[in-house]
Structures are given as C-alpha cells and as structure tokens.
C-alpha atoms as a PDB file:
ATOM      1  CA  MET A   1     -27.700 132.591   0.761  1.00  0.00           C
ATOM      2  CA  SER A   2     -29.904 129.979  -0.273  1.00  0.00           C
ATOM      3  CA  ARG A   3     -29.976 126.137   0.561  1.00  0.00           C
ATOM      4  CA  LEU A   4     -31.139 123.189  -1.471  1.00  0.00           C
ATOM      5  CA  THR A   5     -34.083 122.666  -2.474  1.00  0.00           C
ATOM      6  CA  ARG A   6     -35.455 120.169   0.214  1.00  0.00           C
ATOM      7  CA  SER A   7     -37.052 116.792   0.292  1.00  0.00           C
ATOM      8  CA  ILE A   8     -41.339 116.376   0.030  1.00  0.00           C
ATOM      9  CA  ALA A   9     -40.836 114.598   3.499  1.00  0.00           C
ATOM     10  CA  LEU A  10     -38.524 117.711   5.159  1.00  0.00           C
ATOM     11  CA  ILE A  11     -41.565 120.182   3.406  1.00  0.00           C
ATOM     12  CA  ALA A  12     -44.701 118.238   4.926  1.00  0.00           C
ATOM     13  CA  ALA A  13     -42.828 118.641   8.380  1.00  0.00           C
ATOM     14  CA  ALA A  14     -42.505 122.189   8.385  1.00  0.00           C
ATOM     15  CA  VAL A  15     -45.785 122.768   7.363  1.00  0.00           C
ATOM     16  CA  ALA A  16     -47.137 120.136   9.783  1.00  0.00           C
ATOM     17  CA  LEU A  17     -45.187 122.740  12.662  1.00  0.00           C
ATOM     18  CA  ALA A  18     -46.962 125.566  11.051  1.00  0.00           C
ATOM     19  CA  LEU A  19     -50.440 124.063  12.033  1.00  0.00           C
ATOM     20  CA  PRO A  20     -50.939 123.762  15.852  1.00  0.00           C
ATOM     21  CA  ALA A  21     -54.489 122.470  17.015  1.00  0.00           C
ATOM     22  CA  GLY A  22     -57.357 124.536  17.730  1.00  0.00           C
ATOM     23  CA  LEU A  23     -58.651 127.365  15.378  1.00  0.00           C
ATOM     24  CA  ALA A  24     -58.551 130.881  17.293  1.00  0.00           C
ATOM     25  CA  ALA A  25     -62.019 132.379  16.974  1.00  0.00           C
ATOM     26  CA  THR A  26     -61.841 135.743  14.841  1.00  0.00           C
ATOM     27  CA  ALA A  27     -65.268 137.138  14.342  1.00  0.00           C
ATOM     28  CA  ALA A  28     -64.958 139.355  17.975  1.00  0.00           C
ATOM     29  CA  SER A  29     -61.883 141.301  17.035  1.00  0.00           C
ATOM     30  CA  ALA A  30     -61.397 141.088  13.215  1.00  0.00           C
ATOM     31  CA  ALA A  31     -60.089 144.389  11.405  1.00  0.00           C
ATOM     32  CA  THR A  32     -61.262 145.812   8.781  1.00  0.00           C
ATOM     33  CA  GLY A  33     -58.453 147.905   6.903  1.00  0.00           C
ATOM     34  CA  PRO A  34     -59.665 150.709   3.684  1.00  0.00           C
ATOM     35  CA  VAL A  35     -59.544 149.312   0.338  1.00  0.00           C
ATOM     36  CA  THR A  36     -56.231 149.490  -0.598  1.00  0.00           C
ATOM     37  CA  PRO A  37     -54.913 150.426  -4.214  1.00  0.00           C
ATOM     38  CA  THR A  38     -52.524 148.315  -6.223  1.00  0.00           C
ATOM     39  CA  LYS A  39     -50.848 148.557  -9.279  1.00  0.00           C
ATOM     40  CA  GLU A  40     -51.276 144.353 -10.430  1.00  0.00           C
ATOM     41  CA  GLU A  41     -53.222 142.736  -8.283  1.00  0.00           C
ATOM     42  CA  ALA A  42     -56.844 142.032  -6.954  1.00  0.00           C
ATOM     43  CA  GLY A  43     -57.496 140.023  -3.756  1.00  0.00           C
ATOM     44  CA  TYR A  44     -56.605 140.391   0.595  1.00  0.00           C
ATOM     45  CA  GLN A  45     -54.131 142.134   2.706  1.00  0.00           C
ATOM     46  CA  PHE A  46     -53.215 140.756   6.078  1.00  0.00           C
ATOM     47  CA  THR A  47     -51.670 143.257   8.065  1.00  0.00           C
ATOM     48  CA  GLY A  48     -51.262 144.113  11.882  1.00  0.00           C
ATOM     49  CA  ALA A  49     -49.784 140.726  12.773  1.00  0.00           C
ATOM     50  CA  GLN A  50     -46.232 139.170  12.297  1.00  0.00           C
ATOM     51  CA  PHE A  51     -46.852 136.059   9.607  1.00  0.00           C
ATOM     52  CA  ARG A  52     -45.271 132.830   9.949  1.00  0.00           C
ATOM     53  CA  TYR A  53     -47.626 130.504   7.541  1.00  0.00           C
ATOM     54  CA  ALA A  54     -50.203 131.265   4.387  1.00  0.00           C
ATOM     55  CA  GLN A  55     -52.064 128.869   2.847  1.00  0.00           C
ATOM     56  CA  ALA A  56     -54.720 129.226   0.035  1.00  0.00           C
ATOM     57  CA  SER A  57     -56.613 126.893  -2.055  1.00  0.00           C
ATOM     58  CA  VAL A  58     -57.869 128.176  -5.804  1.00  0.00           C
ATOM     59  CA  TYR A  59     -59.653 127.005  -8.597  1.00  0.00           C
ATOM     60  CA  LEU A  60     -57.597 126.856 -11.907  1.00  0.00           C
ATOM     61  CA  ARG A  61     -60.162 128.463 -14.399  1.00  0.00           C
ATOM     62  CA  ASN A  62     -58.722 128.414 -17.857  1.00  0.00           C
ATOM     63  CA  ALA A  63     -56.774 131.252 -18.848  1.00  0.00           C
ATOM     64  CA  SER A  64     -57.690 132.062 -22.342  1.00  0.00           C
ATOM     65  CA  GLN A  65     -61.289 132.933 -21.561  1.00  0.00           C
ATOM     66  CA  TYR A  66     -59.582 136.507 -20.345  1.00  0.00           C
ATOM     67  CA  SER A  67     -57.266 136.828 -23.361  1.00  0.00           C
ATOM     68  CA  THR A  68     -59.578 140.033 -24.686  1.00  0.00           C
ATOM     69  CA  SER A  69     -58.244 142.079 -21.419  1.00  0.00           C
ATOM     70  CA  VAL A  70     -54.779 140.486 -20.326  1.00  0.00           C
ATOM     71  CA  ALA A  71     -52.161 139.032 -21.753  1.00  0.00           C
ATOM     72  CA  GLY A  72     -51.697 136.548 -18.935  1.00  0.00           C
ATOM     73  CA  LEU A  73     -52.688 136.053 -14.703  1.00  0.00           C
ATOM     74  CA  GLY A  74     -51.218 134.411 -11.712  1.00  0.00           C
ATOM     75  CA  GLN A  75     -52.846 133.228  -8.311  1.00  0.00           C
ATOM     76  CA  SER A  76     -50.406 133.925  -5.368  1.00  0.00           C
ATOM     77  CA  VAL A  77     -49.054 134.534  -2.138  1.00  0.00           C
ATOM     78  CA  GLN A  78     -46.875 136.211  -1.270  1.00  0.00           C
ATOM     79  CA  PHE A  79     -45.198 137.107   2.417  1.00  0.00           C
ATOM     80  CA  TRP A  80     -44.075 141.232   3.111  1.00  0.00           C
ATOM     81  CA  GLY A  81     -40.305 141.578   5.534  1.00  0.00           C
ATOM     82  CA  GLY A  82     -37.352 142.079   5.974  1.00  0.00           C
ATOM     83  CA  GLY A  83     -36.959 144.416   3.126  1.00  0.00           C
ATOM     84  CA  ARG A  84     -38.402 141.971   0.956  1.00  0.00           C
ATOM     85  CA  VAL A  85     -41.118 140.524  -0.870  1.00  0.00           C
ATOM     86  CA  TYR A  86     -41.401 136.889  -1.304  1.00  0.00           C
ATOM     87  CA  VAL A  87     -44.116 135.741  -4.251  1.00  0.00           C
ATOM     88  CA  LEU A  88     -44.956 132.050  -4.561  1.00  0.00           C
ATOM     89  CA  GLY A  89     -47.510 131.727  -7.687  1.00  0.00           C
ATOM     90  CA  VAL A  90     -49.030 129.305 -10.115  1.00  0.00           C
ATOM     91  CA  SER A  91     -49.509 131.471 -13.485  1.00  0.00           C
ATOM     92  CA  ASP A  92     -50.341 130.996 -17.134  1.00  0.00           C
ATOM     93  CA  SER A  93     -50.494 133.062 -20.328  1.00  0.00           C
ATOM     94  CA  ALA A  94     -54.371 133.693 -21.905  1.00  0.00           C
ATOM     95  CA  THR A  95     -53.259 131.126 -24.867  1.00  0.00           C
ATOM     96  CA  ALA A  96     -54.178 128.019 -22.790  1.00  0.00           C
ATOM     97  CA  SER A  97     -51.100 126.721 -21.911  1.00  0.00           C
ATOM     98  CA  PRO A  98     -50.569 124.572 -18.211  1.00  0.00           C
ATOM     99  CA  TYR A  99     -50.266 127.064 -15.166  1.00  0.00           C
ATOM    100  CA  SER A 100     -46.585 126.454 -13.480  1.00  0.00           C
ATOM    101  CA  PRO A 101     -45.069 127.224 -10.269  1.00  0.00           C
ATOM    102  CA  ALA A 102     -42.810 129.913  -9.682  1.00  0.00           C
ATOM    103  CA  VAL A 103     -41.321 131.578  -6.714  1.00  0.00           C
ATOM    104  CA  ALA A 104     -39.805 135.403  -7.042  1.00  0.00           C
ATOM    105  CA  VAL A 105     -38.132 137.641  -4.947  1.00  0.00           C
ATOM    106  CA  PHE A 106     -38.024 141.532  -4.797  1.00  0.00           C
ATOM    107  CA  ASN A 107     -36.794 144.325  -2.647  1.00  0.00           C
ATOM    108  CA  ASN A 108     -39.150 145.978  -1.152  1.00  0.00           C
ATOM    109  CA  SER A 109     -37.640 149.616  -1.848  1.00  0.00           C
ATOM    110  CA  THR A 110     -35.882 149.275  -4.608  1.00  0.00           C
ATOM    111  CA  HIS A 111     -38.409 147.090  -6.121  1.00  0.00           C
ATOM    112  CA  VAL A 112     -35.362 144.834  -8.492  1.00  0.00           C
ATOM    113  CA  LEU A 113     -35.655 141.404  -8.470  1.00  0.00           C
ATOM    114  CA  VAL A 114     -33.068 139.959  -6.444  1.00  0.00           C
ATOM    115  CA  CYS A 115     -34.024 135.916  -7.750  1.00  0.00           C
ATOM    116  CA  ALA A 116     -36.550 133.611  -9.677  1.00  0.00           C
ATOM    117  CA  THR A 117     -36.858 130.269 -10.357  1.00  0.00           C
ATOM    118  CA  SER A 118     -38.632 131.029 -13.595  1.00  0.00           C
ATOM    119  CA  ASN A 119     -34.674 132.009 -15.116  1.00  0.00           C
ATOM    120  CA  ASN A 120     -32.835 129.435 -12.417  1.00  0.00           C
ATOM    121  CA  SER A 121     -31.430 132.469 -10.439  1.00  0.00           C
ATOM    122  CA  CYS A 122     -32.589 131.528  -7.141  1.00  0.00           C
ATOM    123  CA  GLU A 123     -29.946 128.879  -5.583  1.00  0.00           C
ATOM    124  CA  GLY A 124     -31.230 124.880  -5.268  1.00  0.00           C
ATOM    125  CA  THR A 125     -34.410 126.259  -7.711  1.00  0.00           C
ATOM    126  CA  PRO A 126     -35.899 122.841  -8.260  1.00  0.00           C
ATOM    127  CA  ALA A 127     -34.849 121.461 -11.789  1.00  0.00           C
ATOM    128  CA  SER A 128     -38.563 119.813 -12.294  1.00  0.00           C
ATOM    129  CA  TRP A 129     -39.894 123.837 -12.107  1.00  0.00           C
ATOM    130  CA  THR A 130     -37.933 125.238 -15.212  1.00  0.00           C
ATOM    131  CA  SER A 131     -37.937 122.009 -17.131  1.00  0.00           C
ATOM    132  CA  GLY A 132     -41.942 121.848 -17.335  1.00  0.00           C
ATOM    133  CA  ALA A 133     -42.488 118.791 -16.048  1.00  0.00           C
ATOM    134  CA  VAL A 134     -44.285 119.875 -12.921  1.00  0.00           C
ATOM    135  CA  SER A 135     -47.652 122.103 -14.219  1.00  0.00           C
ATOM    136  CA  TYR A 136     -51.358 122.556 -13.629  1.00  0.00           C
ATOM    137  CA  PRO A 137     -53.891 122.243 -16.070  1.00  0.00           C
ATOM    138  CA  PHE A 138     -56.919 124.359 -15.853  1.00  0.00           C
ATOM    139  CA  GLY A 139     -59.804 122.700 -14.733  1.00  0.00           C
ATOM    140  CA  HIS A 140     -57.435 121.767 -11.599  1.00  0.00           C
ATOM    141  CA  SER A 141     -57.597 123.036  -8.191  1.00  0.00           C
ATOM    142  CA  VAL A 142     -53.835 123.692  -6.129  1.00  0.00           C
ATOM    143  CA  GLN A 143     -53.039 125.088  -2.261  1.00  0.00           C
ATOM    144  CA  GLU A 144     -50.330 127.346  -2.080  1.00  0.00           C
ATOM    145  CA  THR A 145     -48.389 127.942   1.053  1.00  0.00           C
ATOM    146  CA  ILE A 146     -45.401 129.511   2.651  1.00  0.00           C
ATOM    147  CA  PHE A 147     -44.332 128.387   5.820  1.00  0.00           C
ATOM    148  CA  TYR A 148     -41.324 130.662   7.782  1.00  0.00           C
ATOM    149  CA  ASN A 149     -39.313 128.729  10.304  1.00  0.00           C
ATOM    150  CA  GLN A 150     -38.387 130.452  12.837  1.00  0.00           C
ATOM    151  CA  GLY A 151     -35.432 128.166  14.491  1.00  0.00           C
ATOM    152  CA  ASN A 152     -33.750 127.837  10.826  1.00  0.00           C
ATOM    153  CA  GLY A 153     -34.494 130.834   8.883  1.00  0.00           C
ATOM    154  CA  ASP A 154     -35.770 128.345   6.415  1.00  0.00           C
ATOM    155  CA  LEU A 155     -39.072 130.015   4.009  1.00  0.00           C
ATOM    156  CA  THR A 156     -40.900 126.864   2.437  1.00  0.00           C
ATOM    157  CA  PHE A 157     -42.931 127.243  -0.786  1.00  0.00           C
ATOM    158  CA  THR A 158     -45.170 124.768  -1.569  1.00  0.00           C
ATOM    159  CA  VAL A 159     -47.723 123.838  -3.855  1.00  0.00           C
ATOM    160  CA  ASN A 160     -49.772 120.852  -3.609  1.00  0.00           C
ATOM    161  CA  ASP A 161     -52.248 119.384  -6.566  1.00  0.00           C
ATOM    162  CA  LEU A 162     -55.042 118.890  -4.900  1.00  0.00           C
ATOM    163  CA  THR A 163     -56.631 116.985  -7.938  1.00  0.00           C
ATOM    164  CA  ALA A 164     -53.737 115.185  -9.232  1.00  0.00           C
ATOM    165  CA  HIS A 165     -52.720 114.949  -5.508  1.00  0.00           C
ATOM    166  CA  THR A 166     -49.190 116.059  -6.119  1.00  0.00           C
ATOM    167  CA  THR A 167     -47.155 118.099  -4.167  1.00  0.00           C
ATOM    168  CA  SER A 168     -43.862 120.486  -5.332  1.00  0.00           C
ATOM    169  CA  GLY A 169     -41.727 122.735  -3.210  1.00  0.00           C
ATOM    170  CA  PHE A 170     -39.336 124.923  -2.554  1.00  0.00           C
ATOM    171  CA  THR A 171     -36.640 126.233   0.387  1.00  0.00           C
ATOM    172  CA  MET A 172     -34.666 128.931   0.990  1.00  0.00           C
ATOM    173  CA  ASN A 173     -32.732 130.433   3.812  1.00  0.00           C
ATOM    174  CA  ILE A 174     -33.414 133.766   4.635  1.00  0.00           C
ATOM    175  CA  GLY A 175     -32.064 133.765   8.076  1.00  0.00           C
ATOM    176  CA  THR A 176     -34.039 134.009  11.364  1.00  0.00           C
ATOM    177  CA  GLY A 177     -34.721 136.812  12.823  1.00  0.00           C
ATOM    178  CA  VAL A 178     -37.015 138.207  10.066  1.00  0.00           C
ATOM    179  CA  SER A 179     -40.577 139.764  10.690  1.00  0.00           C
ATOM    180  CA  PHE A 180     -43.308 139.697   8.386  1.00  0.00           C
ATOM    181  CA  LYS A 181     -46.037 141.663   9.092  1.00  0.00           C
ATOM    182  CA  GLU A 182     -47.785 141.587   5.527  1.00  0.00           C
ATOM    183  CA  VAL A 183     -49.306 138.410   3.221  1.00  0.00           C
ATOM    184  CA  ARG A 184     -51.013 139.410   0.317  1.00  0.00           C
ATOM    185  CA  ILE A 185     -53.075 136.452  -1.019  1.00  0.00           C
ATOM    186  CA  GLY A 186     -55.047 136.956  -4.574  1.00  0.00           C
ATOM    187  CA  THR A 187     -54.757 137.446  -8.649  1.00  0.00           C
ATOM    188  CA  GLU A 188     -52.019 138.795 -10.338  1.00  0.00           C
ATOM    189  CA  PHE A 189     -51.498 140.356 -13.951  1.00  0.00           C
ATOM    190  CA  GLY A 190     -48.159 142.503 -13.353  1.00  0.00           C
ATOM    191  CA  ASN A 191     -44.451 140.719 -13.932  1.00  0.00           C
ATOM    192  CA  ASP A 192     -43.845 141.998 -10.184  1.00  0.00           C
ATOM    193  CA  PRO A 193     -46.235 144.351  -7.548  1.00  0.00           C
ATOM    194  CA  TRP A 194     -45.371 147.710  -8.637  1.00  0.00           C
ATOM    195  CA  SER A 195     -45.777 147.164 -12.439  1.00  0.00           C
ATOM    196  CA  PRO A 196     -49.274 147.512 -14.302  1.00  0.00           C
ATOM    197  CA  PRO A 197     -50.213 145.330 -16.632  1.00  0.00           C
ATOM    198  CA  THR A 198     -51.763 145.624 -20.389  1.00  0.00           C
ATOM    199  CA  PHE A 199     -55.425 145.820 -19.232  1.00  0.00           C
ATOM    200  CA  THR A 200     -58.747 145.867 -21.519  1.00  0.00           C
ATOM    201  CA  ALA A 201     -61.716 146.554 -19.749  1.00  0.00           C
ATOM    202  CA  PRO A 202     -64.589 143.585 -20.425  1.00  0.00           C
ATOM    203  CA  ALA A 203     -67.731 144.091 -21.462  1.00  0.00           C
ATOM    204  CA  ALA A 204     -68.994 142.629 -18.373  1.00  0.00           C
ATOM    205  CA  GLN A 205     -68.258 141.776 -14.591  1.00  0.00           C
ATOM    206  CA  VAL A 206     -65.746 138.463 -15.469  1.00  0.00           C
ATOM    207  CA  LYS A 207     -64.452 136.309 -12.264  1.00  0.00           C
ATOM    208  CA  LEU A 208     -61.137 135.224 -12.412  1.00  0.00           C
ATOM    209  CA  ALA A 209     -60.537 133.078  -9.389  1.00  0.00           C
ATOM    210  CA  THR A 210     -62.281 131.769  -6.062  1.00  0.00           C
ATOM    211  CA  PHE A 211     -60.255 131.140  -3.255  1.00  0.00           C
ATOM    212  CA  SER A 212     -61.076 128.518  -0.101  1.00  0.00           C
ATOM    213  CA  GLY A 213     -59.092 126.754   2.768  1.00  0.00           C
ATOM    214  CA  GLY A 214     -57.207 129.985   3.273  1.00  0.00           C
ATOM    215  CA  GLN A 215     -55.006 130.042   7.199  1.00  0.00           C
ATOM    216  CA  LEU A 216     -52.744 132.957   8.846  1.00  0.00           C
ATOM    217  CA  THR A 217     -50.566 131.479  11.726  1.00  0.00           C
ATOM    218  CA  ASN A 218     -48.623 133.804  13.469  1.00  0.00           C
ATOM    219  CA  TYR A 219     -45.337 133.780  14.934  1.00  0.00           C
ATOM    220  CA  LYS A 220     -46.745 132.213  18.671  1.00  0.00           C
ATOM    221  CA  GLY A 221     -48.446 129.429  16.461  1.00  0.00           C
ATOM    222  CA  THR A 222     -52.089 130.588  16.785  1.00  0.00           C
ATOM    223  CA  LYS A 223     -54.344 129.875  13.381  1.00  0.00           C
ATOM    224  CA  TYR A 224     -57.127 132.065  11.844  1.00  0.00           C
ATOM    225  CA  GLY A 225     -58.785 132.540   8.997  1.00  0.00           C
ATOM    226  CA  PHE A 226     -58.102 135.520   7.346  1.00  0.00           C
ATOM    227  CA  SER A 227     -59.797 137.702   9.505  1.00  0.00           C
ATOM    228  CA  GLY A 228     -58.914 137.843  13.020  1.00  0.00           C
ATOM    229  CA  TYR A 229     -56.760 141.019  15.681  1.00  0.00           C
ATOM    230  CA  PHE A 230     -54.883 141.356  12.545  1.00  0.00           C
ATOM    231  CA  THR A 231     -56.887 144.365  10.172  1.00  0.00           C
ATOM    232  CA  THR A 232     -57.736 142.962   6.351  1.00  0.00           C
ATOM    233  CA  SER A 233     -57.832 145.293   3.481  1.00  0.00           C
ATOM    234  CA  GLN A 234     -59.560 144.064   0.077  1.00  0.00           C
ATOM    235  CA  LEU A 235     -56.922 144.779  -3.170  1.00  0.00           C
ATOM    236  CA  ILE A 236     -57.849 146.347  -5.897  1.00  0.00           C
ATOM    237  CA  MET A 237     -55.962 146.962  -9.456  1.00  0.00           C
ATOM    238  CA  THR A 238     -56.781 150.587 -10.471  1.00  0.00           C
ATOM    239  CA  GLY A 239     -55.515 151.731 -13.906  1.00  0.00           C
ATOM    240  CA  PRO A 240     -55.120 155.234 -15.741  1.00  0.00           C
ATOM    241  CA  GLY A 241     -57.397 157.463 -13.476  1.00  0.00           C
ATOM    242  CA  SER A 242     -57.892 155.598 -10.510  1.00  0.00           C
ATOM    243  CA  VAL A 243     -60.283 153.425 -12.397  1.00  0.00           C
ATOM    244  CA  THR A 244     -60.712 150.338 -10.658  1.00  0.00           C
ATOM    245  CA  GLU A 245     -59.799 147.536 -13.152  1.00  0.00           C
ATOM    246  CA  ALA A 246     -60.288 144.409 -10.970  1.00  0.00           C
ATOM    247  CA  ASN A 247     -61.244 143.603  -7.656  1.00  0.00           C
ATOM    248  CA  ALA A 248     -62.397 141.083  -5.007  1.00  0.00           C
ATOM    249  CA  GLY A 249     -65.701 140.576  -3.370  1.00  0.00           C
ATOM    250  CA  PRO A 250     -66.455 140.162   0.020  1.00  0.00           C
ATOM    251  CA  LEU A 251     -64.876 136.976   2.463  1.00  0.00           C
ATOM    252  CA  ASN A 252     -67.142 134.083   2.626  1.00  0.00           C
ATOM    253  CA  SER A 253     -69.131 133.013   5.476  1.00  0.00           C
ATOM    254  CA  THR A 254     -66.308 131.239   7.183  1.00  0.00           C
ATOM    255  CA  ALA A 255     -63.943 134.126   5.974  1.00  0.00           C
ATOM    256  CA  ASP A 256     -61.466 132.078   4.920  1.00  0.00           C
ATOM    257  CA  GLY A 257     -62.021 132.276   1.207  1.00  0.00           C
ATOM    258  CA  PHE A 258     -62.527 135.144  -1.346  1.00  0.00           C
ATOM    259  CA  SER A 259     -63.225 135.768  -5.683  1.00  0.00           C
ATOM    260  CA  THR A 260     -61.455 137.612  -7.432  1.00  0.00           C
ATOM    261  CA  TYR A 261     -62.674 139.912 -10.661  1.00  0.00           C
ATOM    262  CA  LEU A 262     -61.991 141.618 -13.495  1.00  0.00           C
ATOM    263  CA  VAL A 263     -64.859 144.687 -13.932  1.00  0.00           C
ATOM    264  CA  PRO A 264     -66.084 146.833 -17.309  1.00  0.00           C
END
C-alpha cells in the first residue's frame, strides 16, 4: 500500500504545504487534559482536533548515562488515526551507539506491528536507514516531522539533523480520508506504545530530553504550538502499582516545548 520513498525535494515541498503563514494565538483558548498514564512513554498528548502536521526538535543526550535504569530510549513523534499508530523516532541503546531513525506502524486495536523500517518490512524503506548510513551521534539536535497530505494520502516522515545540516525522509501512501485526532510527542522506552520496558528507578531525577520548536497544524492549515483549542495532556510512564517512572515537565514559556525525566 505504501509508495517508494520520495526525493528530499518532494519531502521539503510537502512540509512547506504544512506550514501556512501566521501562527495562531493559543493561550486564550487552551485546554488542559488530565495526566495520562502510559506503559512506556513520557511527554505530551494532543487530542480534540484533526492534525495533519507535527514537528519537534530535540537535543540527543548520551544514552549510556541511563544504562542503570533502561536498556535504551527513543525520541518520537506519533500520529494516531485510521485504526493505526504511526511512530517516527530516533532511538539508541544505552551502550552509546549512534541514534538511528525508524518508522513503525501498529494496529491500534490488536497492537500488532503492521510494518517497520527497522526490519525493512515497510515498502520503500530507505536503504540508508537499514544500512546505518544515516545516524545521529549524541550531542546533535534533530527535528522530527510527520506530514499527512490530505490530497493524495501520502504520509511523510522526516528527520532533519540540525547540527550536521542533513535531511532524511520516508513516505508511505495510506490513502485519503484518514482522520488523525491524536498526536504524541515524547521519550519512549518500549518496543511499542503498549509494552512496558525493564526499568530500575534512578536515585534522583534525571533529565532525558528537552523538546523545542514544536508545531501542530490542523486540517484547515492553522498552525499552533503545543497549546490551543485542542486538549493538551501530560503523558507519564507508570510501572507496577501505578508508580510514576518517567514524566514530563510543564510546557515552556512559549508553549512549544518541554523536558522529560526519569524519576526515583
């Protein structure tokens, strides 16, 4: 069902379509939802609108510093809709190897993996993603974006290395008429959105990541930060006994970023 990877020029054009001029005012109509427990992610969830574009930048920290608590981690942007969950992430094990880009698609009802670029099961998976030719060392900052083209049904995933000034992307066709009513952005630790990782609590709170430059665009083409007429909810990772294992701090002063943490 998916198409071959588009050229970087087409990716750039798609992203440009997602960014109409003028940032919408958000503070007056912002809606805050309840804290939402998850099995493997800390960050924020956005619901109550139809989203066609999301972006966030994140600084990649040395993953080895978390090795006593988790086996690895990823920084991701997710689109939920049409019965599926589409995850774009850059991830690393806790052994200080470079971060790698990947896309995974899950059935939202059965939680079954539909396809993943990591095992080359998504048609048109970039060879550079499976060969390791594209990777991101810690200390770099990357921008992750997902764009849904309502006109032709293409879903485009892009990672911009803001430090090295390189861009890599992947596009699959999912058909027109898909409604994405949920976006998630944050730090992940599991193999999928429903599976808990192995976790050992740190002795003190530890910062995982700082997200910034966030944008959400609705189906009308109006841009927002992480606060607007839609509902913004904090995601926390909880373990046995509903104990919080990782969480997110408050939105920053411009409502386009936040930090995530492991907690004791």
